[in-house]
Amino acid sequence: MARCVVEDWELTDGNVKYCANRVRKSGLSTAELADYLAERGKVCPVCVTTVFNAIVHPIEDEEGGEA
C-alpha cells in the first residue's frame, strides 16, 4: 500500500485528499494504518505518513466536514 501511495502522490503532485480516498478504498482499517504509523512512521516516506495521518487523524475542513 505504501508504494501505491508514493506513486499516487507523485502522479497527483501531493493531492492528500485523492491519495487518502484511494487508501480508504483499499479496505485497510484506521487501526491498521495507525499501527503502521507507530511501527514505521519514522522511516517510511513523508507522503505515506501525511496520507495515513490524514485518515487516522482527520482535520475538519472549513465547511465542518472531514478534509
PDB file of N, CA and C in Angstrom:
ATOM      1  N   MET A   1       0.831  -1.186   0.000  1.00  0.00           N
ATOM      2  CA  MET A   1       0.000   0.000   0.000  1.00  0.00           C
ATOM      3  C   MET A   1       0.878   1.253   0.000  1.00  0.00           C
ATOM      4  N   ALA A   2       1.944   1.231   0.777  1.00  0.00           N
ATOM      5  CA  ALA A   2       2.803   2.412   0.864  1.00  0.00           C
ATOM      6  C   ALA A   2       3.362   2.779  -0.513  1.00  0.00           C
ATOM      7  N   ARG A   3       3.744   1.783  -1.291  1.00  0.00           N
ATOM      8  CA  ARG A   3       4.274   2.045  -2.632  1.00  0.00           C
ATOM      9  C   ARG A   3       3.214   2.715  -3.510  1.00  0.00           C
ATOM     10  N   CYS A   4       1.975   2.261  -3.396  1.00  0.00           N
ATOM     11  CA  CYS A   4       0.882   2.872  -4.169  1.00  0.00           C
ATOM     12  C   CYS A   4       0.676   4.326  -3.773  1.00  0.00           C
ATOM     13  N   VAL A   5       0.786   4.607  -2.479  1.00  0.00           N
ATOM     14  CA  VAL A   5       0.635   5.983  -2.006  1.00  0.00           C
ATOM     15  C   VAL A   5       1.723   6.860  -2.613  1.00  0.00           C
ATOM     16  N   VAL A   6       2.957   6.364  -2.624  1.00  0.00           N
ATOM     17  CA  VAL A   6       4.063   7.134  -3.184  1.00  0.00           C
ATOM     18  C   VAL A   6       3.812   7.405  -4.665  1.00  0.00           C
ATOM     19  N   GLU A   7       3.371   6.384  -5.403  1.00  0.00           N
ATOM     20  CA  GLU A   7       3.102   6.555  -6.835  1.00  0.00           C
ATOM     21  C   GLU A   7       1.968   7.552  -7.066  1.00  0.00           C
ATOM     22  N   ASP A   8       0.860   7.396  -6.312  1.00  0.00           N
ATOM     23  CA  ASP A   8      -0.261   8.327  -6.449  1.00  0.00           C
ATOM     24  C   ASP A   8       0.152   9.742  -6.073  1.00  0.00           C
ATOM     25  N   TRP A   9       0.955   9.863  -5.031  1.00  0.00           N
ATOM     26  CA  TRP A   9       1.437  11.162  -4.566  1.00  0.00           C
ATOM     27  C   TRP A   9       2.192  11.878  -5.688  1.00  0.00           C
ATOM     28  N   GLU A  10       3.062  11.130  -6.344  1.00  0.00           N
ATOM     29  CA  GLU A  10       3.865  11.706  -7.423  1.00  0.00           C
ATOM     30  C   GLU A  10       3.003  12.063  -8.627  1.00  0.00           C
ATOM     31  N   LEU A  11       2.031  11.209  -8.949  1.00  0.00           N
ATOM     32  CA  LEU A  11       1.165  11.456 -10.104  1.00  0.00           C
ATOM     33  C   LEU A  11       0.221  12.635  -9.891  1.00  0.00           C
ATOM     34  N   THR A  12      -0.152  12.885  -8.635  1.00  0.00           N
ATOM     35  CA  THR A  12      -1.132  13.947  -8.346  1.00  0.00           C
ATOM     36  C   THR A  12      -0.505  15.190  -7.738  1.00  0.00           C
ATOM     37  N   ASP A  13       0.807  15.254  -7.733  1.00  0.00           N
ATOM     38  CA  ASP A  13       1.523  16.397  -7.139  1.00  0.00           C
ATOM     39  C   ASP A  13       1.139  16.620  -5.680  1.00  0.00           C
ATOM     40  N   GLY A  14       1.028  15.535  -4.929  1.00  0.00           N
ATOM     41  CA  GLY A  14       0.788  15.641  -3.494  1.00  0.00           C
ATOM     42  C   GLY A  14      -0.649  15.902  -3.092  1.00  0.00           C
ATOM     43  N   ASN A  15      -1.601  15.381  -3.846  1.00  0.00           N
ATOM     44  CA  ASN A  15      -3.017  15.562  -3.529  1.00  0.00           C
ATOM     45  C   ASN A  15      -3.404  14.594  -2.404  1.00  0.00           C
ATOM     46  N   VAL A  16      -3.398  15.104  -1.179  1.00  0.00           N
ATOM     47  CA  VAL A  16      -3.663  14.272   0.001  1.00  0.00           C
ATOM     48  C   VAL A  16      -5.063  13.676  -0.050  1.00  0.00           C
ATOM     49  N   LYS A  17      -6.039  14.466  -0.436  1.00  0.00           N
ATOM     50  CA  LYS A  17      -7.425  14.004  -0.456  1.00  0.00           C
ATOM     51  C   LYS A  17      -7.590  12.815  -1.413  1.00  0.00           C
ATOM     52  N   TYR A  18      -7.015  12.922  -2.598  1.00  0.00           N
ATOM     53  CA  TYR A  18      -7.097  11.836  -3.581  1.00  0.00           C
ATOM     54  C   TYR A  18      -6.421  10.578  -3.037  1.00  0.00           C
ATOM     55  N   CYS A  19      -5.203  10.737  -2.530  1.00  0.00           N
ATOM     56  CA  CYS A  19      -4.456   9.590  -2.012  1.00  0.00           C
ATOM     57  C   CYS A  19      -5.180   8.935  -0.838  1.00  0.00           C
ATOM     58  N   ALA A  20      -5.725   9.746   0.054  1.00  0.00           N
ATOM     59  CA  ALA A  20      -6.447   9.211   1.214  1.00  0.00           C
ATOM     60  C   ALA A  20      -7.681   8.438   0.765  1.00  0.00           C
ATOM     61  N   ASN A  21      -8.394   8.938  -0.225  1.00  0.00           N
ATOM     62  CA  ASN A  21      -9.567   8.220  -0.731  1.00  0.00           C
ATOM     63  C   ASN A  21      -9.175   6.873  -1.319  1.00  0.00           C
ATOM     64  N   ARG A  22      -8.053   6.817  -2.009  1.00  0.00           N
ATOM     65  CA  ARG A  22      -7.578   5.543  -2.576  1.00  0.00           C
ATOM     66  C   ARG A  22      -7.224   4.556  -1.457  1.00  0.00           C
ATOM     67  N   VAL A  23      -6.602   5.041  -0.408  1.00  0.00           N
ATOM     68  CA  VAL A  23      -6.248   4.164   0.721  1.00  0.00           C
ATOM     69  C   VAL A  23      -7.524   3.664   1.399  1.00  0.00           C
ATOM     70  N   ARG A  24      -8.495   4.544   1.590  1.00  0.00           N
ATOM     71  CA  ARG A  24      -9.763   4.130   2.220  1.00  0.00           C
ATOM     72  C   ARG A  24     -10.426   3.006   1.425  1.00  0.00           C
ATOM     73  N   LYS A  25     -10.374   3.093   0.100  1.00  0.00           N
ATOM     74  CA  LYS A  25     -10.989   2.075  -0.758  1.00  0.00           C
ATOM     75  C   LYS A  25     -10.252   0.737  -0.689  1.00  0.00           C
ATOM     76  N   SER A  26      -9.037   0.734  -0.182  1.00  0.00           N
ATOM     77  CA  SER A  26      -8.246  -0.496  -0.112  1.00  0.00           C
ATOM     78  C   SER A  26      -8.792  -1.473   0.923  1.00  0.00           C
ATOM     79  N   GLY A  27      -9.574  -0.956   1.855  1.00  0.00           N
ATOM     80  CA  GLY A  27     -10.129  -1.819   2.888  1.00  0.00           C
ATOM     81  C   GLY A  27      -9.316  -1.861   4.173  1.00  0.00           C
ATOM     82  N   LEU A  28      -8.178  -1.163   4.197  1.00  0.00           N
ATOM     83  CA  LEU A  28      -7.396  -1.112   5.436  1.00  0.00           C
ATOM     84  C   LEU A  28      -8.151  -0.306   6.483  1.00  0.00           C
ATOM     85  N   SER A  29      -8.115  -0.776   7.702  1.00  0.00           N
ATOM     86  CA  SER A  29      -8.816  -0.069   8.776  1.00  0.00           C
ATOM     87  C   SER A  29      -7.947   1.064   9.330  1.00  0.00           C
ATOM     88  N   THR A  30      -8.579   1.968  10.020  1.00  0.00           N
ATOM     89  CA  THR A  30      -7.833   3.060  10.664  1.00  0.00           C
ATOM     90  C   THR A  30      -6.858   2.494  11.679  1.00  0.00           C
ATOM     91  N   ALA A  31      -7.247   1.444  12.363  1.00  0.00           N
ATOM     92  CA  ALA A  31      -6.357   0.813  13.345  1.00  0.00           C
ATOM     93  C   ALA A  31      -5.114   0.254  12.657  1.00  0.00           C
ATOM     94  N   GLU A  32      -5.284  -0.370  11.498  1.00  0.00           N
ATOM     95  CA  GLU A  32      -4.131  -0.900  10.760  1.00  0.00           C
ATOM     96  C   GLU A  32      -3.199   0.226  10.318  1.00  0.00           C
ATOM     97  N   LEU A  33      -3.779   1.331   9.869  1.00  0.00           N
ATOM     98  CA  LEU A  33      -2.962   2.472   9.453  1.00  0.00           C
ATOM     99  C   LEU A  33      -2.238   3.075  10.655  1.00  0.00           C
ATOM    100  N   ALA A  34      -2.923   3.173  11.779  1.00  0.00           N
ATOM    101  CA  ALA A  34      -2.302   3.704  12.995  1.00  0.00           C
ATOM    102  C   ALA A  34      -1.159   2.799  13.450  1.00  0.00           C
ATOM    103  N   ASP A  35      -1.362   1.489  13.366  1.00  0.00           N
ATOM    104  CA  ASP A  35      -0.292   0.542  13.723  1.00  0.00           C
ATOM    105  C   ASP A  35       0.908   0.717  12.809  1.00  0.00           C
ATOM    106  N   TYR A  36       0.649   0.882  11.519  1.00  0.00           N
ATOM    107  CA  TYR A  36       1.738   1.087  10.560  1.00  0.00           C
ATOM    108  C   TYR A  36       2.527   2.342  10.917  1.00  0.00           C
ATOM    109  N   LEU A  37       1.811   3.410  11.228  1.00  0.00           N
ATOM    110  CA  LEU A  37       2.485   4.664  11.587  1.00  0.00           C
ATOM    111  C   LEU A  37       3.306   4.499  12.861  1.00  0.00           C
ATOM    112  N   ALA A  38       2.777   3.759  13.827  1.00  0.00           N
ATOM    113  CA  ALA A  38       3.503   3.545  15.080  1.00  0.00           C
ATOM    114  C   ALA A  38       4.775   2.735  14.844  1.00  0.00           C
ATOM    115  N   GLU A  39       4.703   1.771  13.950  1.00  0.00           N
ATOM    116  CA  GLU A  39       5.848   0.893  13.709  1.00  0.00           C
ATOM    117  C   GLU A  39       6.849   1.482  12.721  1.00  0.00           C
ATOM    118  N   ARG A  40       6.361   2.134  11.666  1.00  0.00           N
ATOM    119  CA  ARG A  40       7.243   2.552  10.585  1.00  0.00           C
ATOM    120  C   ARG A  40       7.172   4.038  10.255  1.00  0.00           C
ATOM    121  N   GLY A  41       6.415   4.796  11.009  1.00  0.00           N
ATOM    122  CA  GLY A  41       6.201   6.209  10.706  1.00  0.00           C
ATOM    123  C   GLY A  41       7.461   7.044  10.581  1.00  0.00           C
ATOM    124  N   LYS A  42       8.489   6.677  11.317  1.00  0.00           N
ATOM    125  CA  LYS A  42       9.718   7.475  11.282  1.00  0.00           C
ATOM    126  C   LYS A  42      10.642   7.089  10.136  1.00  0.00           C
ATOM    127  N   VAL A  43      10.394   5.947   9.492  1.00  0.00           N
ATOM    128  CA  VAL A  43      11.285   5.508   8.421  1.00  0.00           C
ATOM    129  C   VAL A  43      10.609   5.433   7.046  1.00  0.00           C
ATOM    130  N   CYS A  44       9.287   5.553   7.003  1.00  0.00           N
ATOM    131  CA  CYS A  44       8.610   5.487   5.710  1.00  0.00           C
ATOM    132  C   CYS A  44       8.600   6.888   5.067  1.00  0.00           C
ATOM    133  N   PRO A  45       8.308   6.957   3.767  1.00  0.00           N
ATOM    134  CA  PRO A  45       8.292   8.251   3.091  1.00  0.00           C
ATOM    135  C   PRO A  45       7.301   9.233   3.735  1.00  0.00           C
ATOM    136  N   VAL A  46       7.638  10.498   3.705  1.00  0.00           N
ATOM    137  CA  VAL A  46       6.805  11.545   4.304  1.00  0.00           C
ATOM    138  C   VAL A  46       5.406  11.547   3.702  1.00  0.00           C
ATOM    139  N   CYS A  47       5.294  11.292   2.412  1.00  0.00           N
ATOM    140  CA  CYS A  47       3.967  11.302   1.788  1.00  0.00           C
ATOM    141  C   CYS A  47       3.069  10.221   2.384  1.00  0.00           C
ATOM    142  N   VAL A  48       3.639   9.077   2.738  1.00  0.00           N
ATOM    143  CA  VAL A  48       2.857   7.991   3.338  1.00  0.00           C
ATOM    144  C   VAL A  48       2.362   8.404   4.720  1.00  0.00           C
ATOM    145  N   THR A  49       3.233   8.975   5.538  1.00  0.00           N
ATOM    146  CA  THR A  49       2.794   9.408   6.867  1.00  0.00           C
ATOM    147  C   THR A  49       1.760  10.524   6.753  1.00  0.00           C
ATOM    148  N   THR A  50       1.919  11.411   5.780  1.00  0.00           N
ATOM    149  CA  THR A  50       0.956  12.501   5.591  1.00  0.00           C
ATOM    150  C   THR A  50      -0.423  11.959   5.251  1.00  0.00           C
ATOM    151  N   VAL A  51      -0.478  11.029   4.298  1.00  0.00           N
ATOM    152  CA  VAL A  51      -1.761  10.463   3.864  1.00  0.00           C
ATOM    153  C   VAL A  51      -2.384   9.616   4.972  1.00  0.00           C
ATOM    154  N   PHE A  52      -1.595   8.742   5.588  1.00  0.00           N
ATOM    155  CA  PHE A  52      -2.136   7.886   6.648  1.00  0.00           C
ATOM    156  C   PHE A  52      -2.607   8.729   7.831  1.00  0.00           C
ATOM    157  N   ASN A  53      -1.860   9.766   8.186  1.00  0.00           N
ATOM    158  CA  ASN A  53      -2.279  10.650   9.277  1.00  0.00           C
ATOM    159  C   ASN A  53      -3.568  11.383   8.935  1.00  0.00           C
ATOM    160  N   ALA A  54      -3.750  11.739   7.671  1.00  0.00           N
ATOM    161  CA  ALA A  54      -4.984  12.414   7.260  1.00  0.00           C
ATOM    162  C   ALA A  54      -6.198  11.517   7.469  1.00  0.00           C
ATOM    163  N   ILE A  55      -5.980  10.204   7.396  1.00  0.00           N
ATOM    164  CA  ILE A  55      -7.074   9.255   7.609  1.00  0.00           C
ATOM    165  C   ILE A  55      -7.250   8.960   9.100  1.00  0.00           C
ATOM    166  N   VAL A  56      -6.149   8.727   9.788  1.00  0.00           N
ATOM    167  CA  VAL A  56      -6.198   8.361  11.209  1.00  0.00           C
ATOM    168  C   VAL A  56      -6.626   9.540  12.073  1.00  0.00           C
ATOM    169  N   HIS A  57      -6.158  10.739  11.734  1.00  0.00           N
ATOM    170  CA  HIS A  57      -6.468  11.952  12.498  1.00  0.00           C
ATOM    171  C   HIS A  57      -7.032  13.014  11.560  1.00  0.00           C
ATOM    172  N   PRO A  58      -8.275  12.817  11.084  1.00  0.00           N
ATOM    173  CA  PRO A  58      -8.838  13.762  10.111  1.00  0.00           C
ATOM    174  C   PRO A  58      -9.008  15.160  10.701  1.00  0.00           C
ATOM    175  N   ILE A  59      -8.763  16.137   9.857  1.00  0.00           N
ATOM    176  CA  ILE A  59      -8.946  17.544  10.231  1.00  0.00           C
ATOM    177  C   ILE A  59     -10.207  18.025   9.534  1.00  0.00           C
ATOM    178  N   GLU A  60     -11.060  18.694  10.271  1.00  0.00           N
ATOM    179  CA  GLU A  60     -12.289  19.195   9.643  1.00  0.00           C
ATOM    180  C   GLU A  60     -11.952  20.351   8.731  1.00  0.00           C
ATOM    181  N   ASP A  61     -12.617  20.360   7.559  1.00  0.00           N
ATOM    182  CA  ASP A  61     -12.414  21.464   6.642  1.00  0.00           C
ATOM    183  C   ASP A  61     -13.271  22.655   7.061  1.00  0.00           C
ATOM    184  N   GLU A  62     -13.215  23.724   6.295  1.00  0.00           N
ATOM    185  CA  GLU A  62     -13.925  24.951   6.656  1.00  0.00           C
ATOM    186  C   GLU A  62     -15.439  24.781   6.691  1.00  0.00           C
ATOM    187  N   GLU A  63     -15.968  23.785   5.979  1.00  0.00           N
ATOM    188  CA  GLU A  63     -17.401  23.566   5.937  1.00  0.00           C
ATOM    189  C   GLU A  63     -17.883  22.661   7.079  1.00  0.00           C
ATOM    190  N   GLY A  64     -16.956  22.228   7.918  1.00  0.00           N
ATOM    191  CA  GLY A  64     -17.330  21.424   9.073  1.00  0.00           C
ATOM    192  C   GLY A  64     -17.252  19.927   8.865  1.00  0.00           C
ATOM    193  N   GLY A  65     -16.898  19.485   7.651  1.00  0.00           N
ATOM    194  CA  GLY A  65     -16.763  18.063   7.386  1.00  0.00           C
ATOM    195  C   GLY A  65     -15.306  17.650   7.441  1.00  0.00           C
ATOM    196  N   GLU A  66     -15.086  16.376   7.200  1.00  0.00           N
ATOM    197  CA  GLU A  66     -13.703  15.897   7.185  1.00  0.00           C
ATOM    198  C   GLU A  66     -12.996  16.370   5.929  1.00  0.00           C
ATOM    199  N   ALA A  67     -11.732  16.648   6.073  1.00  0.00           N
ATOM    200  CA  ALA A  67     -10.935  17.102   4.927  1.00  0.00           C
ATOM    201  C   ALA A  67     -10.649  15.954   4.000  1.00  0.00           C
TER     202      ALA A  67
END
